[in-house]
């Protein structure tokens, strides 16, 4: 069985990436750069090794999406913590069709993946340069809005569900994992 991950580009995403990448090259202090060293492992390995994001890693494997993150293409994964991801687990006594559940989880996960490697610093710099929130299209064809709430990077989906970055980002050879405290685009 082959799992396909639908990809489409958008003008808004291209603009955000074009803005974020040059800013990342000339931003931040040496301490900031040192704290965000790129690892040698792929996103799939980084997710599997990540602290408090085991459920996302397992769900990516279960849905067949993990293999996408072993390639050379770059992605940013907004990874809900295990506590946050638990909302997608079947409730006790709930009769669920495993195939249908897997499809729902895959759709939710695609809304947490962005094309390109964007560190929190890149995103914060884009917010500063734009003078406010930055909207980016997800791999699930939705959009999310990044903003700053004081020192905290926040992420809001189209329905108004908000998450905050928690913990340190993980920079892998082919992208970035940003831990967040809420599942966006809940079914």
Protein backbone atom coordinates (compact mmCIF):
# COMPACT_ATOMS: atom_id res chain seq x y z
CA UNK A 1 0.00 0.00 0.00
CA UNK A 2 1.42 3.37 -0.99
CA UNK A 3 0.65 6.46 1.02
CA UNK A 4 0.76 9.71 -0.86
CA UNK A 5 1.23 13.09 0.71
CA UNK A 6 -0.49 15.78 -1.38
CA UNK A 7 1.64 18.83 -2.07
CA UNK A 8 0.62 22.16 -3.57
CA UNK A 9 2.34 25.50 -3.44
CA UNK A 10 0.86 28.88 -2.75
CA UNK A 11 1.90 32.43 -3.38
CA UNK A 12 1.51 33.29 0.32
CA UNK A 13 3.82 30.46 1.32
CA UNK A 14 6.41 31.44 -1.27
CA UNK A 15 6.33 35.01 0.02
CA UNK A 16 6.66 33.92 3.63
CA UNK A 17 9.53 31.58 2.83
CA UNK A 18 11.26 34.19 0.69
CA UNK A 19 10.99 36.60 3.60
CA UNK A 20 12.03 34.14 6.29
CA UNK A 21 15.08 32.58 4.64
CA UNK A 22 17.09 35.78 4.04
CA UNK A 23 16.24 37.03 7.52
CA UNK A 24 17.48 33.82 9.09
CA UNK A 25 20.87 34.21 7.45
CA UNK A 26 21.51 37.61 9.01
CA UNK A 27 19.60 37.43 12.26
CA UNK A 28 20.20 36.59 15.85
CA UNK A 29 23.20 36.50 18.09
CA UNK A 30 25.92 33.89 18.19
CA UNK A 31 24.21 32.37 21.23
CA UNK A 32 20.99 32.02 19.24
CA UNK A 33 22.80 30.32 16.37
CA UNK A 34 24.65 27.99 18.71
CA UNK A 35 21.45 26.95 20.48
CA UNK A 36 19.91 25.99 17.16
CA UNK A 37 22.57 23.78 15.59
CA UNK A 38 21.36 21.54 12.81
CA UNK A 39 21.53 17.84 13.67
CA UNK A 40 22.73 15.05 11.41
CA UNK A 41 19.57 12.98 11.71
CA UNK A 42 16.47 13.27 9.53
CA UNK A 43 13.17 14.63 10.77
CA UNK A 44 11.83 11.08 11.14
CA UNK A 45 14.73 10.18 13.45
CA UNK A 46 14.55 13.50 15.30
CA UNK A 47 10.84 12.98 15.95
CA UNK A 48 11.48 9.43 17.19
CA UNK A 49 14.21 10.70 19.53
CA UNK A 50 12.30 13.79 20.68
CA UNK A 51 11.22 14.22 24.26
CA UNK A 52 7.46 14.44 24.92
CA UNK A 53 6.49 13.98 21.24
CA UNK A 54 6.42 10.16 21.11
CA UNK A 55 2.73 10.03 20.21
CA UNK A 56 3.24 12.23 17.13
CA UNK A 57 6.17 10.07 16.04
CA UNK A 58 4.12 6.90 16.51
CA UNK A 59 1.14 8.40 14.65
CA UNK A 60 3.38 9.41 11.73
CA UNK A 61 4.67 5.83 11.52
CA UNK A 62 1.16 4.38 11.87
CA UNK A 63 -0.23 6.56 9.06
CA UNK A 64 2.75 6.00 6.76
CA UNK A 65 3.73 9.68 6.80
CA UNK A 66 7.03 9.14 8.66
CA UNK A 67 8.70 7.90 5.48
CA UNK A 68 8.23 11.36 3.95
CA UNK A 69 10.48 12.80 6.66
CA UNK A 70 13.34 10.42 5.85
CA UNK A 71 13.87 12.04 2.44
CA UNK A 72 15.83 15.10 1.43
CA UNK A 73 12.93 17.57 1.12
CA UNK A 74 12.74 20.08 3.96
CA UNK A 75 9.73 20.45 6.26
CA UNK A 76 8.70 22.15 9.48
CA UNK A 77 6.67 19.90 11.80
CA UNK A 78 4.50 21.49 14.48
CA UNK A 79 4.55 18.57 16.92
CA UNK A 80 1.90 18.53 19.65
CA UNK A 81 3.24 17.25 22.97
CA UNK A 82 2.10 13.83 24.14
CA UNK A 83 -0.36 15.44 26.56
CA UNK A 84 -1.88 17.54 23.77
CA UNK A 85 -1.92 14.68 21.24
CA UNK A 86 -3.87 12.46 23.63
CA UNK A 87 -7.10 14.19 22.46
CA UNK A 88 -6.83 12.13 19.26
CA UNK A 89 -6.66 8.80 21.07
CA UNK A 90 -9.87 6.73 21.01
CA UNK A 91 -11.87 7.12 24.21
CA UNK A 92 -12.57 4.12 26.40
CA UNK A 93 -15.50 2.14 25.03
CA UNK A 94 -15.42 4.04 21.73
CA UNK A 95 -15.92 1.75 18.75
CA UNK A 96 -13.57 3.02 16.06
CA UNK A 97 -12.76 1.72 12.64
CA UNK A 98 -8.92 1.65 12.60
CA UNK A 99 -8.70 2.52 8.90
CA UNK A 100 -11.03 5.53 9.33
CA UNK A 101 -9.15 6.63 12.46
CA UNK A 102 -5.82 6.38 10.64
CA UNK A 103 -7.16 8.58 7.82
CA UNK A 104 -8.40 11.20 10.30
CA UNK A 105 -5.08 11.26 12.15
CA UNK A 106 -3.17 11.55 8.84
CA UNK A 107 -5.33 14.53 7.82
CA UNK A 108 -4.76 16.23 11.19
CA UNK A 109 -1.01 15.60 10.98
CA UNK A 110 -0.77 17.14 7.48
CA UNK A 111 -2.18 20.35 8.97
CA UNK A 112 0.84 20.38 11.31
CA UNK A 113 3.42 20.18 8.50
CA UNK A 114 4.78 23.16 6.58
CA UNK A 115 6.95 22.98 3.47
CA UNK A 116 10.49 24.23 4.05
CA UNK A 117 12.64 24.38 7.16
CA UNK A 118 11.56 27.32 9.30
CA UNK A 119 13.06 27.69 12.74
CA UNK A 120 11.20 29.69 15.37
CA UNK A 121 13.81 32.42 14.89
CA UNK A 122 13.03 32.52 11.14
CA UNK A 123 9.33 32.84 11.91
CA UNK A 124 9.85 35.50 14.57
CA UNK A 125 12.03 37.50 12.15
CA UNK A 126 9.34 37.27 9.46
CA UNK A 127 6.73 38.49 11.97
CA UNK A 128 8.96 41.43 12.89
CA UNK A 129 9.73 42.27 9.24
CA UNK A 130 6.04 42.11 8.30
CA UNK A 131 5.03 44.11 11.35
CA UNK A 132 2.56 41.49 12.50
CA UNK A 133 1.28 37.94 12.03
CA UNK A 134 2.50 35.75 9.17
CA UNK A 135 0.17 33.27 7.45
CA UNK A 136 1.53 30.06 5.90
CA UNK A 137 -0.22 27.24 4.02
CA UNK A 138 0.10 23.76 5.52
CA UNK A 139 0.69 20.53 3.62
CA UNK A 140 -2.96 19.71 4.35
CA UNK A 141 -4.03 22.77 2.33
CA UNK A 142 -5.13 24.74 5.37
CA UNK A 143 -3.46 27.87 6.64
CA UNK A 144 -1.99 28.78 9.98
CA UNK A 145 -1.07 32.15 11.39
CA UNK A 146 2.09 32.73 13.42
CA UNK A 147 2.20 35.64 15.85
CA UNK A 148 4.05 36.67 18.97
CA UNK A 149 2.35 36.91 22.36
CA UNK A 150 5.06 38.65 24.34
CA UNK A 151 8.03 36.28 24.07
CA UNK A 152 5.89 33.28 23.05
CA UNK A 153 5.42 32.14 19.46
CA UNK A 154 1.74 31.34 18.89
CA UNK A 155 0.11 29.39 16.08
CA UNK A 156 -3.57 29.77 15.15
CA UNK A 157 -5.49 27.66 12.63
CA UNK A 158 -8.38 28.77 10.40
CA UNK A 159 -10.98 27.84 13.02
CA UNK A 160 -9.28 29.99 15.66
CA UNK A 161 -7.72 27.11 17.64
CA UNK A 162 -4.44 28.39 19.09
CA UNK A 163 -1.28 26.68 20.22
CA UNK A 164 1.95 27.96 21.74
CA UNK A 165 5.47 26.77 21.17
CA UNK A 166 6.68 24.82 24.19
CA UNK A 167 10.17 23.51 24.68
CA UNK A 168 13.11 23.77 22.34
CA UNK A 169 12.93 23.25 18.59
CA UNK A 170 14.78 20.32 17.07
CA UNK A 171 16.80 21.16 13.96
CA UNK A 172 17.27 18.08 11.78
CA UNK A 173 19.18 17.65 8.53
CA UNK A 174 15.99 18.12 6.51
CA UNK A 175 13.85 20.38 8.64
CA UNK A 176 12.65 21.59 12.00
CA UNK A 177 10.41 20.16 14.72
CA UNK A 178 8.60 22.81 16.78
CA UNK A 179 6.88 21.39 19.88
CA UNK A 180 3.43 22.91 20.52
CA UNK A 181 0.89 22.55 23.34
CA UNK A 182 -2.31 21.94 21.35
CA UNK A 183 -3.50 19.84 18.40
CA UNK A 184 -4.65 22.17 15.62
CA UNK A 185 -7.43 21.22 13.19
CA UNK A 186 -9.02 18.71 15.55
CA UNK A 187 -11.62 16.46 13.90
